[in-house]
Protein backbone atom coordinates (compact mmCIF):
# COMPACT_ATOMS: atom_id res chain seq x y z
CA MET A 1 32.75 -12.25 -3.63
CA PRO A 2 29.51 -12.89 -4.27
CA LEU A 3 30.43 -14.88 -7.21
CA ALA A 4 32.70 -16.84 -4.64
CA THR A 5 29.87 -17.36 -2.43
CA ILE A 6 27.41 -18.66 -4.87
CA CYS A 7 30.35 -21.10 -6.42
CA PHE A 8 31.22 -22.06 -3.16
CA SER A 9 27.22 -22.66 -2.04
CA ALA A 10 26.69 -24.68 -4.94
CA LEU A 11 29.12 -26.83 -4.03
CA ASP A 12 28.34 -26.97 -0.88
CA PHE A 13 24.70 -28.54 -1.78
CA PHE A 14 25.91 -30.65 -4.48
CA GLY A 15 28.43 -32.22 -2.57
CA THR A 16 25.73 -32.77 0.50
CA GLN A 17 22.55 -33.47 -1.25
CA PHE A 18 23.78 -35.58 -4.12
CA TYR A 19 27.31 -37.56 -2.04
CA LEU A 20 26.79 -36.82 1.78
CA LEU A 21 22.82 -37.60 2.00
CA PRO A 22 22.79 -40.61 -0.43
CA TYR A 23 26.11 -41.92 1.07
CA TYR A 24 24.84 -42.19 4.63
CA THR A 25 21.43 -43.37 3.31
CA GLY A 26 22.53 -46.35 1.70
CA PHE A 27 21.39 -44.77 -1.95
CA ALA A 28 25.22 -44.18 -3.52
CA THR A 29 26.08 -46.20 -6.35
CA TRP A 30 29.81 -47.34 -6.88
CA LEU A 31 31.49 -47.18 -10.20
CA PRO A 32 34.03 -50.26 -11.32
CA ASN A 33 36.64 -47.91 -10.62
CA GLY A 34 35.60 -47.38 -6.48
CA SER A 35 34.78 -44.18 -7.53
CA MET A 36 31.42 -43.34 -5.92
CA HIS A 37 28.46 -41.99 -8.28
CA ALA A 38 26.47 -38.98 -7.35
CA MET A 39 22.91 -39.55 -6.51
CA GLN A 40 20.42 -39.36 -9.49
CA LEU A 41 17.20 -37.84 -8.29
CA SER A 42 14.82 -41.18 -10.31
CA LYS A 43 16.15 -42.58 -7.13
CA LEU A 44 13.64 -40.81 -5.11
CA GLN A 45 10.66 -41.36 -7.40
CA GLY A 46 8.12 -43.17 -5.43
CA HIS A 47 8.83 -43.90 -1.66
CA GLY A 48 12.40 -43.11 -2.51
CA LEU A 49 12.79 -39.53 -0.50
CA ALA A 50 10.35 -41.11 2.35
CA LEU A 51 12.82 -44.42 2.28
CA MET A 52 15.94 -42.01 2.41
CA ILE A 53 14.55 -39.82 5.23
CA SER A 54 13.19 -42.88 6.96
CA ARG A 55 16.71 -44.37 6.62
CA LEU A 56 18.69 -40.85 8.18
CA ALA A 57 16.09 -41.04 11.09
CA PHE A 58 16.98 -44.69 12.21
CA ASN A 59 19.42 -45.05 15.26
CA LYS A 60 18.38 -41.68 16.01
CA PRO A 61 17.29 -40.42 19.95
CA THR A 62 13.77 -39.99 19.86
CA PHE A 63 13.65 -35.81 19.56
CA LEU A 64 15.62 -36.37 16.16
CA GLY A 65 12.32 -38.28 14.49
CA THR A 66 11.98 -37.81 10.44
CA SER A 67 9.84 -34.45 10.85
CA VAL A 68 13.06 -32.39 12.66
CA LEU A 69 15.73 -34.23 10.87
CA VAL A 70 13.02 -32.80 7.28
CA ALA A 71 12.64 -29.42 9.26
CA LEU A 72 16.19 -29.21 10.35
CA TRP A 73 16.99 -29.99 6.15
CA GLY A 74 15.15 -27.34 5.14
CA LEU A 75 16.65 -24.72 7.03
CA SER A 76 19.99 -25.51 6.21
CA ILE A 77 18.53 -25.20 2.76
CA ALA A 78 17.10 -21.80 3.67
CA ALA A 79 20.17 -21.50 5.33
CA LEU A 80 22.51 -21.43 2.20
CA ILE A 81 19.53 -19.49 0.27
CA GLY A 82 20.18 -16.42 2.55
CA LEU A 83 23.80 -16.67 2.36
CA ILE A 84 24.23 -16.04 -1.10
CA LEU A 85 21.13 -13.22 -0.74
CA LEU A 86 23.68 -11.58 1.49
CA SER A 87 26.39 -11.94 -0.36
CA VAL A 88 24.95 -10.66 -3.44
CA ALA A 89 22.85 -7.67 -1.52
CA LEU A 90 26.01 -6.52 0.09
CA GLY A 91 28.07 -6.75 -3.07
CA TYR A 92 25.54 -5.19 -4.75
CA ARG A 93 25.98 -1.91 -1.85
CA MET A 94 29.30 -2.44 -2.03
CA SER A 95 30.01 -1.69 -5.76
CA GLY A 96 29.08 1.82 -5.81
CA ARG A 97 31.26 3.12 -3.09
CA PRO A 98 34.93 2.99 -4.24
CA SER A 99 36.96 1.26 -1.45
CA GLY A 100 40.67 1.75 -0.08
CA PRO A 101 42.37 5.15 -0.09
CA ALA A 102 40.14 7.05 -2.38
CA ARG A 103 37.32 6.34 0.20
CA GLN A 104 39.70 7.86 2.52
CA THR A 105 39.96 11.11 0.62
CA ARG A 106 36.75 11.27 -0.34
CA HIS A 107 35.51 11.89 2.79
CA LYS A 108 38.36 13.97 4.24
CA SER A 109 37.86 16.41 1.22
CA ALA A 110 33.78 15.83 2.19
CA ALA A 111 34.55 17.15 5.55
CA ALA A 112 36.80 19.99 3.88
CA GLY A 113 34.69 21.55 2.13
């Protein structure tokens, strides 16, 4: 289960950070066949990241300023990392325990003895 969580988290992270954010902030580039090219980190050099965040905050309510959006962005990434860590910890914890009928049999024999 932790491997599936890591894979889907990586897919979510890549899709959000390299496709969705660039698309909604005007950093997306299009290939000749019409498909969208993943954003390259070189576009964020200089003032690129600040420009991306300011574009993201454009036409938003005043309480969703750039600092709030950056905090939400950071919390989103932290939640994704937390989900991965929780999955790995639970997988590690459950790996030493038998599952299914073997687990029930062990408990019954321990209670009888």
